[in-house]
């Protein structure tokens, strides 16, 4: 399953099966777009630009939802 929540300079976030790739949008926007946080098992962040990484969403996913978040080596 592929869901594209957002792409471009205003934020990037794509779901492939149970994995989120990049989290450059807000939790509120993801919620409004209908994401099921319970279905997410892992999160991959490609790099630390604001359109690929949102710190409050990262903290929520890691601390509240207990998701595994992975970064590239050059993060």
Protein backbone atom coordinates (compact mmCIF):
# COMPACT_ATOMS: atom_id res chain seq x y z
CA UNK A 1 0.00 0.00 0.00
CA UNK A 2 1.30 3.44 -0.91
CA UNK A 3 -0.06 6.69 0.52
CA UNK A 4 1.45 10.05 -0.34
CA UNK A 5 0.51 12.49 2.40
CA UNK A 6 2.67 15.38 1.22
CA UNK A 7 5.51 16.12 -1.19
CA UNK A 8 7.41 19.25 -2.04
CA UNK A 9 8.95 22.18 -0.23
CA UNK A 10 6.05 22.42 2.26
CA UNK A 11 6.74 18.96 3.60
CA UNK A 12 7.33 15.35 2.64
CA UNK A 13 5.67 12.29 4.11
CA UNK A 14 4.95 8.99 2.37
CA UNK A 15 3.62 5.74 3.79
CA UNK A 16 4.59 2.41 2.25
CA UNK A 17 2.80 -0.42 4.00
CA UNK A 18 3.59 0.10 7.72
CA UNK A 19 6.51 2.47 7.18
CA UNK A 20 6.61 6.26 7.03
CA UNK A 21 9.32 7.80 4.90
CA UNK A 22 10.13 11.34 6.00
CA UNK A 23 8.10 13.29 8.54
CA UNK A 24 8.25 16.84 7.24
CA UNK A 25 4.68 17.76 8.15
CA UNK A 26 2.82 18.27 11.41
CA UNK A 27 0.96 15.66 13.43
CA UNK A 28 -2.20 17.71 12.96
CA UNK A 29 -1.87 17.63 9.18
CA UNK A 30 -1.20 13.89 9.19
CA UNK A 31 -4.21 13.33 11.42
CA UNK A 32 -6.39 15.47 9.15
CA UNK A 33 -5.17 13.42 6.16
CA UNK A 34 -6.38 10.25 7.88
CA UNK A 35 -3.21 8.51 9.01
CA UNK A 36 -3.63 5.52 11.29
CA UNK A 37 -0.69 5.88 13.68
CA UNK A 38 -1.33 2.40 15.09
CA UNK A 39 -0.56 0.88 11.68
CA UNK A 40 2.90 2.47 11.55
CA UNK A 41 5.78 0.32 12.80
CA UNK A 42 8.84 2.22 11.56
CA UNK A 43 9.84 5.68 10.39
CA UNK A 44 12.75 6.49 8.07
CA UNK A 45 14.04 10.06 7.75
CA UNK A 46 16.21 10.69 4.70
CA UNK A 47 17.81 13.93 5.91
CA UNK A 48 17.33 16.78 8.37
CA UNK A 49 15.81 19.49 6.25
CA UNK A 50 12.60 21.06 7.50
CA UNK A 51 10.57 19.63 4.63
CA UNK A 52 11.65 16.07 5.56
CA UNK A 53 11.84 16.29 9.36
CA UNK A 54 9.50 17.80 11.95
CA UNK A 55 10.91 17.65 15.48
CA UNK A 56 7.57 17.73 17.38
CA UNK A 57 6.23 14.92 15.17
CA UNK A 58 9.46 12.96 15.66
CA UNK A 59 9.14 13.29 19.45
CA UNK A 60 5.47 12.28 19.34
CA UNK A 61 6.17 9.19 17.22
CA UNK A 62 9.11 8.12 19.34
CA UNK A 63 7.89 8.98 22.84
CA UNK A 64 4.11 8.65 22.67
CA UNK A 65 3.57 6.10 19.89
CA UNK A 66 6.81 4.17 20.66
CA UNK A 67 7.77 3.89 16.98
CA UNK A 68 11.25 3.07 15.76
CA UNK A 69 12.73 6.06 13.95
CA UNK A 70 15.74 5.57 11.69
CA UNK A 71 17.99 8.21 10.17
CA UNK A 72 20.54 8.08 7.39
CA UNK A 73 24.16 8.01 8.43
CA UNK A 74 24.66 11.62 7.36
CA UNK A 75 21.72 12.98 9.32
